[in-house]
Amino acid sequence: MPSARDPDALRKAMAARRSRRREEPPRRRGPSSPEPADAGQPASDDWLDVSSPLNAGRPLLYSVAFEWDLALTARGVAHRAERHGGGWRILAPDREAGQAMAELIAYRAENRPGRSGTPLPRHENRTATMLALAVLLAFFVLTRTYLPALGLYPYEWDELGSAQAGHILDGEWWRLATALTLHADAAHVLGNVIVGALFIVPICQALGGGQGWLLVLLSGVVGNLVNALVQGPGHDSIGFSTCVFGAAGILAGLRARTGSGRSPWFTAVAAGLALLAVLGVGGERTDVGAHLFGFLAGLALGLFAGWRLLHLGPVGRLTGAFLAMTAALVPLAAWLWAFLSH
């Protein structure tokens, strides 16, 4: 029986599970594919619910179902996991239900279900995330290029898209998003891309690129909005750093909510606040308010995303694709609105 303290054993179980799933019909889907075809249907005479009796009749959290699923896979016990009653359950064939329950009882005796360090599925989309950050660099080059044939000059981008609080409060809401894509110089954008990658990559690996990027952008938009309300009409700022500190907050919230790592939950939040103190308050042109409010917005979003991940698991492929498209359209629509409004 693999122990939760032995990540190598669980990773081997994950590999064995993926191999098994390739040989099974599509209806046998587990927690790592949260849209089973027969979700919510009662167990047939041939498949019995072996998890509810071990959980006082309540549905399992996603993280617990995922861990139990790996444990049964490692022991070679036939089973399947599916959504049920706002959570998950584990079903086993009638002939193996007794063995499945015995294995789960033994596993639970050796390990606390859903304990800190349980390996959740990881989305391998590092390349896509880095390409998105490369687009931010390319856009910086565009905004600093003179294009008289199109009537575009560097100063116009800032005039149209900066987070000028007075204009935002007058209804130019697109500035909340467009300001995130503007930078003062090459050092500004490179710093944001490099530091941002350190937070955004693990977020997208945990949540998927679509959900991860949408939350990062939302943290930046909310951070700019609160900053405009607090700073007043005379304040103006640009830069992706609001999203960078929003990403730091998201990651802290995720780790605090899911209990990843061996440290207490408050350690993740304290680490994010320490980063804010070290990188977010220095320099004459540093917008401390944007960094602080971006981080706080990200922290709230990360706590919510962590709760959802534990209870419902990762979003499905179609939902993830929709969220990715939405994340891409947010800055595009904001800039289109900006140009059409002037």
Protein backbone atom coordinates (compact mmCIF):
# COMPACT_ATOMS: atom_id res chain seq x y z
CA MET A 1 0.00 0.00 0.00
CA PRO A 2 1.62 3.32 -0.99
CA SER A 3 1.89 5.91 1.73
CA ALA A 4 0.99 9.58 1.28
CA ARG A 5 4.49 10.25 2.55
CA ASP A 6 5.92 8.40 -0.46
CA PRO A 7 5.27 10.63 -3.50
CA ASP A 8 7.28 8.31 -5.76
CA ALA A 9 4.88 5.46 -5.08
CA LEU A 10 1.89 7.65 -5.80
CA ARG A 11 3.46 8.96 -9.00
CA LYS A 12 3.99 5.37 -10.13
CA ALA A 13 0.36 4.70 -9.32
CA MET A 14 -0.65 7.71 -11.39
CA ALA A 15 1.32 6.36 -14.34
CA ALA A 16 -0.26 2.94 -13.91
CA ARG A 17 -3.67 4.54 -13.72
CA ARG A 18 -3.15 6.46 -16.96
CA SER A 19 -2.05 3.21 -18.63
CA ARG A 20 -5.12 1.43 -17.30
CA ARG A 21 -7.45 4.17 -18.48
CA ARG A 22 -6.15 3.91 -22.02
CA GLU A 23 -7.32 0.30 -22.04
CA GLU A 24 -10.74 0.98 -20.48
CA PRO A 25 -13.95 2.23 -22.12
CA PRO A 26 -14.54 5.99 -21.89
CA ARG A 27 -17.19 5.64 -19.17
CA ARG A 28 -14.56 4.62 -16.62
CA ARG A 29 -13.31 8.04 -15.68
CA GLY A 30 -11.69 9.05 -12.44
CA PRO A 31 -11.06 12.30 -10.59
CA SER A 32 -8.42 13.49 -13.07
CA SER A 33 -11.15 13.65 -15.77
CA PRO A 34 -13.97 15.45 -13.99
CA GLU A 35 -16.69 14.95 -16.60
CA PRO A 36 -17.63 11.25 -16.52
CA ALA A 37 -20.35 10.13 -18.88
CA ASP A 38 -22.30 8.38 -16.13
CA ALA A 39 -21.76 10.96 -13.39
CA GLY A 40 -24.63 11.19 -10.94
CA GLN A 41 -26.19 7.88 -12.04
CA PRO A 42 -26.89 5.30 -9.35
CA ALA A 43 -24.52 2.37 -9.12
CA SER A 44 -25.69 -0.64 -11.06
CA ASP A 45 -26.06 -4.12 -9.57
CA ASP A 46 -22.54 -4.89 -10.79
CA TRP A 47 -20.90 -1.78 -9.30
CA LEU A 48 -21.13 -0.92 -5.61
CA ASP A 49 -20.31 2.34 -3.82
CA VAL A 50 -17.36 1.46 -1.58
CA SER A 51 -16.41 4.97 -0.47
CA SER A 52 -19.58 6.35 1.14
CA PRO A 53 -19.65 3.77 3.96
CA LEU A 54 -16.08 4.80 4.81
CA ASN A 55 -16.98 8.50 4.79
CA ALA A 56 -20.14 8.47 6.92
CA GLY A 57 -22.32 8.41 3.80
CA ARG A 58 -20.99 11.73 2.54
CA PRO A 59 -19.47 12.35 -0.92
CA LEU A 60 -15.69 12.53 -1.03
CA LEU A 61 -13.68 15.66 -1.65
CA TYR A 62 -11.91 15.56 -4.99
CA SER A 63 -8.50 15.38 -3.32
CA VAL A 64 -9.55 12.38 -1.20
CA ALA A 65 -11.15 10.60 -4.16
CA PHE A 66 -8.01 11.16 -6.20
CA GLU A 67 -5.83 9.72 -3.44
CA TRP A 68 -8.05 6.68 -2.87
CA ASP A 69 -8.23 6.14 -6.62
CA LEU A 70 -4.43 6.01 -6.79
CA ALA A 71 -4.28 3.63 -3.83
CA LEU A 72 -6.68 1.15 -5.43
CA THR A 73 -4.84 1.43 -8.75
CA ALA A 74 -1.54 0.65 -7.05
CA ARG A 75 -3.12 -2.48 -5.54
CA GLY A 76 -4.61 -3.57 -8.87
CA VAL A 77 -8.23 -3.43 -7.66
CA ALA A 78 -10.81 -2.75 -10.38
CA HIS A 79 -12.78 0.43 -9.65
CA ARG A 80 -13.92 3.74 -11.06
CA ALA A 81 -14.49 7.21 -9.62
CA GLU A 82 -17.32 9.54 -10.54
CA ARG A 83 -19.06 12.72 -9.47
CA HIS A 84 -21.86 12.25 -6.97
CA GLY A 85 -23.89 14.56 -4.74
CA GLY A 86 -21.63 17.58 -5.03
CA GLY A 87 -18.50 15.50 -4.56
CA TRP A 88 -17.10 12.14 -5.63
CA ARG A 89 -17.51 8.44 -4.92
CA ILE A 90 -15.55 5.28 -5.65
CA LEU A 91 -17.33 2.32 -7.23
CA ALA A 92 -16.03 -1.24 -7.45
CA PRO A 93 -17.38 -4.34 -9.17
CA ASP A 94 -19.57 -6.47 -6.92
CA ARG A 95 -17.04 -9.30 -6.92
CA GLU A 96 -14.21 -6.97 -5.78
CA ALA A 97 -16.14 -4.60 -3.52
CA GLY A 98 -15.01 -6.37 -0.37
CA GLN A 99 -11.36 -6.25 -1.38
CA ALA A 100 -11.67 -2.59 -2.40
CA MET A 101 -13.14 -1.64 0.97
CA ALA A 102 -10.50 -3.63 2.80
CA GLU A 103 -7.74 -1.90 0.85
CA LEU A 104 -9.25 1.54 1.53
CA ILE A 105 -9.65 0.80 5.23
CA ALA A 106 -6.02 -0.28 5.43
CA TYR A 107 -4.89 2.72 3.41
CA ARG A 108 -6.89 5.12 5.57
CA ALA A 109 -5.41 3.58 8.70
CA GLU A 110 -1.91 4.33 7.42
CA ASN A 111 -2.61 7.73 5.89
CA ARG A 112 -4.84 10.67 6.61
CA PRO A 113 -7.02 11.15 3.49
CA GLY A 114 -6.40 14.40 1.64
CA ARG A 115 -3.45 15.19 3.87
CA SER A 116 -0.83 17.79 3.06
CA GLY A 117 1.37 16.73 0.18
CA THR A 118 -1.21 14.69 -1.77
CA PRO A 119 -0.16 14.99 -5.42
CA LEU A 120 -2.97 16.47 -7.52
CA PRO A 121 -2.92 16.26 -11.33
CA ARG A 122 -0.58 18.74 -12.98
CA HIS A 123 -1.27 20.43 -16.29
CA GLU A 124 1.88 20.40 -18.38
CA ASN A 125 1.44 23.69 -20.23
CA ARG A 126 4.67 25.51 -19.39
CA THR A 127 5.32 26.23 -23.08
CA ALA A 128 1.90 27.81 -23.61
CA THR A 129 2.37 29.98 -20.53
CA MET A 130 5.79 31.17 -21.68
CA LEU A 131 4.39 31.93 -25.14
CA ALA A 132 1.71 34.10 -23.54
CA LEU A 133 4.40 36.03 -21.68
CA ALA A 134 6.33 36.35 -24.96
CA VAL A 135 3.25 38.00 -26.45
CA LEU A 136 3.49 40.60 -23.68
CA LEU A 137 7.06 41.32 -24.77
CA ALA A 138 6.02 41.55 -28.42
CA PHE A 139 3.24 43.98 -27.52
CA PHE A 140 5.75 46.17 -25.70
CA VAL A 141 7.82 46.36 -28.91
CA LEU A 142 4.67 47.30 -30.85
CA THR A 143 3.75 50.08 -28.44
CA ARG A 144 7.25 51.55 -28.69
CA THR A 145 7.33 51.49 -32.51
CA TYR A 146 6.44 54.51 -34.63
CA LEU A 147 3.80 53.55 -37.20
CA PRO A 148 2.76 56.81 -38.90
CA ALA A 149 1.04 54.94 -41.73
CA LEU A 150 -1.42 53.58 -39.16
CA GLY A 151 -1.44 56.76 -37.11
CA LEU A 152 0.12 54.98 -34.13
CA TYR A 153 2.78 56.57 -31.94
CA PRO A 154 4.21 55.44 -28.59
CA TYR A 155 2.66 58.24 -26.55
CA GLU A 156 -0.82 57.44 -27.87
CA TRP A 157 -0.83 53.96 -26.38
CA ASP A 158 -0.18 55.37 -22.91
CA GLU A 159 -2.77 58.12 -23.34
CA LEU A 160 -5.41 55.62 -24.39
CA GLY A 161 -4.62 52.75 -22.06
CA SER A 162 -2.95 53.83 -18.82
CA ALA A 163 -4.76 53.30 -15.51
CA GLN A 164 -5.54 56.99 -15.12
CA ALA A 165 -7.84 56.93 -12.11
CA GLY A 166 -9.85 59.99 -13.12
CA HIS A 167 -10.69 58.52 -16.53
CA ILE A 168 -11.48 55.13 -15.01
CA LEU A 169 -13.89 56.70 -12.54
CA ASP A 170 -15.47 58.60 -15.45
CA GLY A 171 -16.36 55.33 -17.13
CA GLU A 172 -13.30 54.39 -19.20
CA TRP A 173 -13.28 50.88 -17.73
CA TRP A 174 -11.08 49.43 -20.46
CA ARG A 175 -8.09 51.07 -18.78
CA LEU A 176 -8.29 48.52 -15.96
CA ALA A 177 -7.11 45.88 -18.47
CA THR A 178 -5.14 47.87 -21.06
CA ALA A 179 -2.85 49.36 -18.41
CA LEU A 180 -1.66 45.82 -17.58
CA THR A 181 -0.17 45.47 -21.08
CA LEU A 182 1.79 48.75 -21.08
CA HIS A 183 5.34 49.29 -19.79
CA ALA A 184 7.66 52.25 -19.40
CA ASP A 185 10.82 50.61 -20.77
CA ALA A 186 12.49 47.29 -21.58
CA ALA A 187 13.72 46.74 -18.02
CA HIS A 188 10.17 47.23 -16.75
CA VAL A 189 8.61 44.62 -19.02
CA LEU A 190 11.49 42.12 -18.70
CA GLY A 191 11.34 42.26 -14.92
CA ASN A 192 7.59 41.62 -14.95
CA VAL A 193 7.89 38.74 -17.41
CA ILE A 194 10.72 37.01 -15.53
CA VAL A 195 9.22 37.38 -12.05
CA GLY A 196 5.72 36.73 -13.35
CA ALA A 197 6.79 33.41 -14.88
CA LEU A 198 7.89 32.19 -11.44
CA PHE A 199 4.31 32.46 -10.19
CA ILE A 200 2.15 32.01 -13.28
CA VAL A 201 3.75 28.73 -14.42
CA PRO A 202 2.91 26.83 -11.19
CA ILE A 203 -0.56 28.40 -11.12
CA CYS A 204 -1.29 27.16 -14.63
CA GLN A 205 0.16 23.75 -13.81
CA ALA A 206 -2.23 23.46 -10.86
CA LEU A 207 -5.36 24.97 -12.43
CA GLY A 208 -4.82 24.72 -16.17
CA GLY A 209 -3.75 27.53 -18.46
CA GLY A 210 -7.22 28.91 -19.14
CA GLN A 211 -8.35 29.18 -15.54
CA GLY A 212 -4.89 30.23 -14.35
CA TRP A 213 -4.46 33.10 -16.81
CA LEU A 214 -8.03 34.32 -16.35
CA LEU A 215 -7.53 34.53 -12.58
CA VAL A 216 -4.20 36.33 -13.04
CA LEU A 217 -5.81 38.91 -15.33
CA LEU A 218 -8.79 39.27 -13.01
CA SER A 219 -6.49 39.95 -10.07
CA GLY A 220 -4.81 42.72 -12.08
CA VAL A 221 -8.12 44.26 -13.14
CA VAL A 222 -9.50 44.21 -9.59
CA GLY A 223 -6.21 45.54 -8.23
CA ASN A 224 -6.27 48.48 -10.65
CA LEU A 225 -9.92 49.20 -9.83
CA VAL A 226 -9.40 49.28 -6.07
CA ASN A 227 -6.22 51.31 -6.54
CA ALA A 228 -8.10 53.91 -8.60
CA LEU A 229 -10.83 54.16 -5.98
CA VAL A 230 -8.32 54.55 -3.14
CA GLN A 231 -5.72 56.79 -4.83
CA GLY A 232 -8.19 59.22 -6.38
CA PRO A 233 -8.54 60.93 -9.80
CA GLY A 234 -4.96 62.21 -10.03
CA HIS A 235 -3.31 58.79 -9.94
CA ASP A 236 -1.90 57.14 -13.07
CA SER A 237 0.02 53.90 -13.62
CA ILE A 238 0.93 51.22 -16.16
CA GLY A 239 2.45 47.76 -16.00
CA PHE A 240 1.85 44.05 -15.61
CA SER A 241 3.24 44.09 -12.08
CA THR A 242 -0.29 44.33 -10.66
CA CYS A 243 -0.88 40.90 -12.23
CA VAL A 244 2.51 39.64 -11.03
CA PHE A 245 1.63 40.37 -7.41
CA GLY A 246 -1.88 39.11 -8.08
CA ALA A 247 -0.27 35.84 -9.22
CA ALA A 248 1.78 35.75 -6.01
CA GLY A 249 -1.45 36.11 -4.07
CA ILE A 250 -3.19 33.40 -6.11
CA LEU A 251 -0.34 30.97 -5.49
CA ALA A 252 -0.33 31.77 -1.78
CA GLY A 253 -4.10 31.27 -1.60
CA LEU A 254 -3.90 27.99 -3.51
CA ARG A 255 -1.23 26.59 -1.24
CA ALA A 256 -3.00 27.82 1.88
CA ARG A 257 -6.32 26.28 0.83
CA THR A 258 -5.07 22.98 -0.57
CA GLY A 259 -2.43 22.46 2.11
CA SER A 260 0.29 21.71 -0.44
CA GLY A 261 3.69 21.39 1.20
CA ARG A 262 4.49 20.58 4.82
CA SER A 263 4.30 24.11 6.21
CA PRO A 264 1.25 25.52 8.06
CA TRP A 265 -1.31 27.30 5.89
CA PHE A 266 -0.28 30.76 7.05
CA THR A 267 3.30 30.19 5.85
CA ALA A 268 2.20 30.45 2.21
CA VAL A 269 0.43 33.74 2.86
CA ALA A 270 3.37 35.07 4.89
CA ALA A 271 5.74 34.21 2.03
CA GLY A 272 3.57 36.18 -0.39
CA LEU A 273 3.48 39.17 1.94
CA ALA A 274 7.26 38.96 2.34
CA LEU A 275 7.64 39.08 -1.43
CA LEU A 276 5.38 42.11 -1.53
CA ALA A 277 7.51 43.80 1.12
CA VAL A 278 10.78 43.04 -0.69
CA LEU A 279 9.81 43.69 -4.32
CA GLY A 280 6.60 45.66 -4.18
CA VAL A 281 7.41 48.83 -2.25
CA GLY A 282 10.79 50.00 -3.55
CA GLY A 283 11.66 52.57 -6.19
CA GLU A 284 10.34 56.03 -6.95
CA ARG A 285 7.97 54.84 -9.70
CA THR A 286 6.71 51.78 -7.82
CA ASP A 287 2.93 51.74 -7.48
CA VAL A 288 2.65 50.28 -3.99
CA GLY A 289 -1.15 50.45 -4.02
CA ALA A 290 -1.45 48.48 -7.26
CA HIS A 291 0.91 45.81 -5.92
CA LEU A 292 -0.90 45.53 -2.58
CA PHE A 293 -4.41 45.43 -4.00
CA GLY A 294 -3.36 43.07 -6.77
CA PHE A 295 -1.91 40.71 -4.18
CA LEU A 296 -5.02 40.86 -1.98
CA ALA A 297 -7.30 40.28 -4.97
CA GLY A 298 -5.14 37.35 -6.01
CA LEU A 299 -5.17 35.91 -2.50
CA ALA A 300 -8.98 35.88 -2.46
CA LEU A 301 -9.11 34.32 -5.93
CA GLY A 302 -6.49 31.72 -4.96
CA LEU A 303 -8.44 30.69 -1.86
CA PHE A 304 -11.58 30.23 -3.96
CA ALA A 305 -9.72 28.33 -6.69
CA GLY A 306 -8.15 26.07 -4.07
CA TRP A 307 -11.55 25.32 -2.55
CA ARG A 308 -12.94 24.46 -5.96
CA LEU A 309 -9.96 22.27 -6.83
CA LEU A 310 -10.32 20.28 -3.61
CA HIS A 311 -14.06 19.77 -3.98
CA LEU A 312 -14.64 19.53 -7.73
CA GLY A 313 -11.24 18.89 -9.28
CA PRO A 314 -9.75 20.52 -12.39
CA VAL A 315 -12.06 22.08 -14.96
CA GLY A 316 -12.84 20.02 -18.05
CA ARG A 317 -11.11 20.52 -21.38
CA LEU A 318 -13.96 22.44 -22.98
CA THR A 319 -14.33 24.69 -19.95
CA GLY A 320 -10.58 25.23 -19.87
CA ALA A 321 -10.55 26.15 -23.57
CA PHE A 322 -13.41 28.61 -23.00
CA LEU A 323 -11.58 30.22 -20.08
CA ALA A 324 -8.39 30.47 -22.13
CA MET A 325 -10.30 32.18 -24.94
CA THR A 326 -11.88 34.56 -22.45
CA ALA A 327 -8.48 35.41 -20.97
CA ALA A 328 -7.13 36.19 -24.45
CA LEU A 329 -10.16 38.28 -25.39
CA VAL A 330 -10.11 40.45 -22.26
CA PRO A 331 -7.10 42.63 -23.27
CA LEU A 332 -8.02 42.48 -26.98
CA ALA A 333 -11.57 43.66 -26.30
CA ALA A 334 -10.29 46.34 -23.92
CA TRP A 335 -7.94 47.80 -26.57
CA LEU A 336 -10.63 47.62 -29.24
CA TRP A 337 -12.97 49.50 -26.91
CA ALA A 338 -10.24 52.07 -26.26
CA PHE A 339 -9.65 52.79 -29.97
CA LEU A 340 -13.33 52.83 -30.85
CA SER A 341 -14.04 55.27 -28.03
CA HIS A 342 -11.52 57.78 -29.32
